[in-house]
Amino acid sequence: MKKQDLSLIKDRLLAERERILNKARDTLQTINEVNADNLNDEVDLATQEEGERVSLKLRDREAKLISKIDKTLNRLENESDDFGVCEECGSQIGLKRLLARPVATLCIGCKEEQERVEMGYAGNKLG
């Protein structure tokens, strides 16, 4: 892969990491600013608590994404030979896929197969 492409991927990862961290800071600030005394009734309080729960759940998902971003950045920094190589089949992950999803560890074919298996399992579980 070209150094220019690797640099672009790294820049996207760093920008996404910063965006997620900023959203997490904003969420914490919002939660800390809410004063339960300012909420008029139990419904307002319950609505506020549910909103906080959803926000924190989203931030938890984003924390997992930050972990993936950090691992990917580490592989890029160390010029790891496995960056851009599918963990399943060992083939190259396409540049378009890496630009769209820089933390991808599976080529599109293996990812589609993984999703088919997961959908089949979910379908069998429900049926």
C-alpha atoms as a PDB file:
ATOM      1  CA  MET A   1       0.000   0.000   0.000  1.00  0.00           C
ATOM      2  CA  LYS A   2       1.263   3.469  -0.810  1.00  0.00           C
ATOM      3  CA  LYS A   3       2.505   5.735   1.976  1.00  0.00           C
ATOM      4  CA  GLN A   4       0.056   8.397   0.796  1.00  0.00           C
ATOM      5  CA  ASP A   5      -2.858   5.956   1.261  1.00  0.00           C
ATOM      6  CA  LEU A   6      -1.591   4.945   4.700  1.00  0.00           C
ATOM      7  CA  SER A   7      -1.290   8.597   5.686  1.00  0.00           C
ATOM      8  CA  LEU A   8      -4.865   9.275   4.558  1.00  0.00           C
ATOM      9  CA  ILE A   9      -6.145   6.304   6.557  1.00  0.00           C
ATOM     10  CA  LYS A  10      -4.199   7.444   9.626  1.00  0.00           C
ATOM     11  CA  ASP A  11      -5.628  10.964   9.315  1.00  0.00           C
ATOM     12  CA  ARG A  12      -9.166   9.558   9.113  1.00  0.00           C
ATOM     13  CA  LEU A  13      -8.583   7.393  12.169  1.00  0.00           C
ATOM     14  CA  LEU A  14      -7.231  10.314  14.190  1.00  0.00           C
ATOM     15  CA  ALA A  15     -10.137  12.554  13.149  1.00  0.00           C
ATOM     16  CA  GLU A  16     -12.702   9.883  14.068  1.00  0.00           C
ATOM     17  CA  ARG A  17     -10.990   9.298  17.413  1.00  0.00           C
ATOM     18  CA  GLU A  18     -11.109  13.020  18.204  1.00  0.00           C
ATOM     19  CA  ARG A  19     -14.775  13.259  17.147  1.00  0.00           C
ATOM     20  CA  ILE A  20     -15.723  10.390  19.460  1.00  0.00           C
ATOM     21  CA  LEU A  21     -13.765  11.819  22.388  1.00  0.00           C
ATOM     22  CA  ASN A  22     -15.404  15.227  21.921  1.00  0.00           C
ATOM     23  CA  LYS A  23     -18.862  13.640  21.923  1.00  0.00           C
ATOM     24  CA  ALA A  24     -17.996  11.731  25.107  1.00  0.00           C
ATOM     25  CA  ARG A  25     -16.856  14.952  26.801  1.00  0.00           C
ATOM     26  CA  ASP A  26     -20.065  16.684  25.733  1.00  0.00           C
ATOM     27  CA  THR A  27     -22.176  13.826  27.097  1.00  0.00           C
ATOM     28  CA  LEU A  28     -20.433  13.881  30.454  1.00  0.00           C
ATOM     29  CA  GLN A  29     -20.755  17.646  30.660  1.00  0.00           C
ATOM     30  CA  THR A  30     -24.481  17.465  29.880  1.00  0.00           C
ATOM     31  CA  ILE A  31     -25.060  14.752  32.481  1.00  0.00           C
ATOM     32  CA  ASN A  32     -23.127  16.703  35.101  1.00  0.00           C
ATOM     33  CA  GLU A  33     -25.066  19.900  34.378  1.00  0.00           C
ATOM     34  CA  VAL A  34     -28.516  18.356  34.867  1.00  0.00           C
ATOM     35  CA  ASN A  35     -29.975  19.156  38.245  1.00  0.00           C
ATOM     36  CA  ALA A  36     -32.750  16.806  39.355  1.00  0.00           C
ATOM     37  CA  ASP A  37     -34.331  19.693  41.313  1.00  0.00           C
ATOM     38  CA  ASN A  38     -35.015  21.491  38.023  1.00  0.00           C
ATOM     39  CA  LEU A  39     -37.102  18.616  36.694  1.00  0.00           C
ATOM     40  CA  ASN A  40     -40.797  19.238  37.323  1.00  0.00           C
ATOM     41  CA  ASP A  41     -42.069  15.746  37.968  1.00  0.00           C
ATOM     42  CA  GLU A  42     -41.290  12.048  37.924  1.00  0.00           C
ATOM     43  CA  VAL A  43     -41.972  11.811  34.181  1.00  0.00           C
ATOM     44  CA  ASP A  44     -39.408  14.528  33.456  1.00  0.00           C
ATOM     45  CA  LEU A  45     -36.911  12.786  35.707  1.00  0.00           C
ATOM     46  CA  ALA A  46     -37.555   9.389  34.096  1.00  0.00           C
ATOM     47  CA  THR A  47     -37.241  10.882  30.617  1.00  0.00           C
ATOM     48  CA  GLN A  48     -33.951  12.532  31.583  1.00  0.00           C
ATOM     49  CA  GLU A  49     -32.592   9.303  33.076  1.00  0.00           C
ATOM     50  CA  GLU A  50     -33.565   7.314  29.979  1.00  0.00           C
ATOM     51  CA  GLY A  51     -31.845   9.863  27.756  1.00  0.00           C
ATOM     52  CA  GLU A  52     -28.699   9.595  29.864  1.00  0.00           C
ATOM     53  CA  ARG A  53     -28.840   5.788  29.727  1.00  0.00           C
ATOM     54  CA  VAL A  54     -29.090   5.824  25.932  1.00  0.00           C
ATOM     55  CA  SER A  55     -26.274   8.383  25.650  1.00  0.00           C
ATOM     56  CA  LEU A  56     -24.016   6.328  27.893  1.00  0.00           C
ATOM     57  CA  LYS A  57     -24.794   3.156  25.936  1.00  0.00           C
ATOM     58  CA  LEU A  58     -23.824   4.936  22.709  1.00  0.00           C
ATOM     59  CA  ARG A  59     -20.615   6.180  24.319  1.00  0.00           C
ATOM     60  CA  ASP A  60     -19.854   2.596  25.412  1.00  0.00           C
ATOM     61  CA  ARG A  61     -20.130   1.439  21.802  1.00  0.00           C
ATOM     62  CA  GLU A  62     -17.895   4.303  20.759  1.00  0.00           C
ATOM     63  CA  ALA A  63     -15.354   3.320  23.439  1.00  0.00           C
ATOM     64  CA  LYS A  64     -15.110  -0.065  21.731  1.00  0.00           C
ATOM     65  CA  LEU A  65     -14.565   1.722  18.413  1.00  0.00           C
ATOM     66  CA  ILE A  66     -11.790   3.821  19.982  1.00  0.00           C
ATOM     67  CA  SER A  67     -10.117   0.591  21.069  1.00  0.00           C
ATOM     68  CA  LYS A  68     -10.239  -0.650  17.460  1.00  0.00           C
ATOM     69  CA  ILE A  69      -8.934   2.711  16.234  1.00  0.00           C
ATOM     70  CA  ASP A  70      -6.034   2.584  18.714  1.00  0.00           C
ATOM     71  CA  LYS A  71      -5.123  -0.958  17.629  1.00  0.00           C
ATOM     72  CA  THR A  72      -5.221   0.091  13.983  1.00  0.00           C
ATOM     73  CA  LEU A  73      -3.129   3.206  14.655  1.00  0.00           C
ATOM     74  CA  ASN A  74      -0.619   1.037  16.510  1.00  0.00           C
ATOM     75  CA  ARG A  75      -0.356  -1.301  13.527  1.00  0.00           C
ATOM     76  CA  LEU A  76       0.142   1.687  11.224  1.00  0.00           C
ATOM     77  CA  GLU A  77       2.747   3.298  13.517  1.00  0.00           C
ATOM     78  CA  ASN A  78       4.711   0.048  13.711  1.00  0.00           C
ATOM     79  CA  GLU A  79       4.377  -0.429   9.961  1.00  0.00           C
ATOM     80  CA  SER A  80       2.922  -3.836  10.687  1.00  0.00           C
ATOM     81  CA  ASP A  81       2.821  -6.236   7.768  1.00  0.00           C
ATOM     82  CA  ASP A  82      -0.658  -7.364   8.793  1.00  0.00           C
ATOM     83  CA  PHE A  83      -2.349  -3.993   8.239  1.00  0.00           C
ATOM     84  CA  GLY A  84      -4.725  -4.305   5.314  1.00  0.00           C
ATOM     85  CA  VAL A  85      -4.571  -8.104   5.351  1.00  0.00           C
ATOM     86  CA  CYS A  86      -7.742 -10.086   6.032  1.00  0.00           C
ATOM     87  CA  GLU A  87      -7.542 -11.946   9.344  1.00  0.00           C
ATOM     88  CA  GLU A  88      -9.681 -14.746   7.942  1.00  0.00           C
ATOM     89  CA  CYS A  89      -8.328 -15.571   4.481  1.00  0.00           C
ATOM     90  CA  GLY A  90      -5.044 -13.636   4.356  1.00  0.00           C
ATOM     91  CA  SER A  91      -5.897 -11.689   1.205  1.00  0.00           C
ATOM     92  CA  GLN A  92      -5.498  -7.935   0.861  1.00  0.00           C
ATOM     93  CA  ILE A  93      -8.381  -5.792   2.085  1.00  0.00           C
ATOM     94  CA  GLY A  94      -9.246  -3.373  -0.685  1.00  0.00           C
ATOM     95  CA  LEU A  95      -8.208   0.263  -0.376  1.00  0.00           C
ATOM     96  CA  LYS A  96     -11.796   1.440  -0.901  1.00  0.00           C
ATOM     97  CA  ARG A  97     -12.906  -0.689   2.045  1.00  0.00           C
ATOM     98  CA  LEU A  98     -10.081   0.577   4.246  1.00  0.00           C
ATOM     99  CA  LEU A  99     -10.883   4.179   3.344  1.00  0.00           C
ATOM    100  CA  ALA A 100     -14.539   3.594   4.200  1.00  0.00           C
ATOM    101  CA  ARG A 101     -13.812   1.548   7.358  1.00  0.00           C
ATOM    102  CA  PRO A 102     -10.165   1.954   8.370  1.00  0.00           C
ATOM    103  CA  VAL A 103     -10.534  -0.446  11.318  1.00  0.00           C
ATOM    104  CA  ALA A 104     -11.660  -3.277   9.029  1.00  0.00           C
ATOM    105  CA  THR A 105      -9.845  -6.543   9.661  1.00  0.00           C
ATOM    106  CA  LEU A 106     -11.778  -8.659   7.172  1.00  0.00           C
ATOM    107  CA  CYS A 107     -11.968  -8.387   3.392  1.00  0.00           C
ATOM    108  CA  ILE A 108     -15.426  -7.720   2.006  1.00  0.00           C
ATOM    109  CA  GLY A 109     -15.967 -11.381   1.073  1.00  0.00           C
ATOM    110  CA  CYS A 110     -15.112 -12.666   4.555  1.00  0.00           C
ATOM    111  CA  LYS A 111     -17.168  -9.907   6.208  1.00  0.00           C
ATOM    112  CA  GLU A 112     -20.188 -10.784   4.076  1.00  0.00           C
ATOM    113  CA  GLU A 113     -19.760 -14.449   4.990  1.00  0.00           C
ATOM    114  CA  GLN A 114     -19.509 -13.546   8.685  1.00  0.00           C
ATOM    115  CA  GLU A 115     -22.732 -11.541   8.431  1.00  0.00           C
ATOM    116  CA  ARG A 116     -24.509 -14.384   6.603  1.00  0.00           C
ATOM    117  CA  VAL A 117     -23.519 -16.788   9.366  1.00  0.00           C
ATOM    118  CA  GLU A 118     -24.660 -14.337  12.051  1.00  0.00           C
ATOM    119  CA  MET A 119     -27.964 -13.750  10.238  1.00  0.00           C
ATOM    120  CA  GLY A 120     -28.500 -17.475   9.812  1.00  0.00           C
ATOM    121  CA  TYR A 121     -27.793 -18.059  13.478  1.00  0.00           C
ATOM    122  CA  ALA A 122     -30.152 -15.248  14.480  1.00  0.00           C
ATOM    123  CA  GLY A 123     -32.780 -16.549  12.094  1.00  0.00           C
ATOM    124  CA  ASN A 124     -32.526 -20.077  13.504  1.00  0.00           C
ATOM    125  CA  LYS A 125     -32.601 -18.742  17.021  1.00  0.00           C
ATOM    126  CA  LEU A 126     -35.840 -16.877  16.351  1.00  0.00           C
ATOM    127  CA  GLY A 127     -37.442 -19.635  14.352  1.00  0.00           C
END
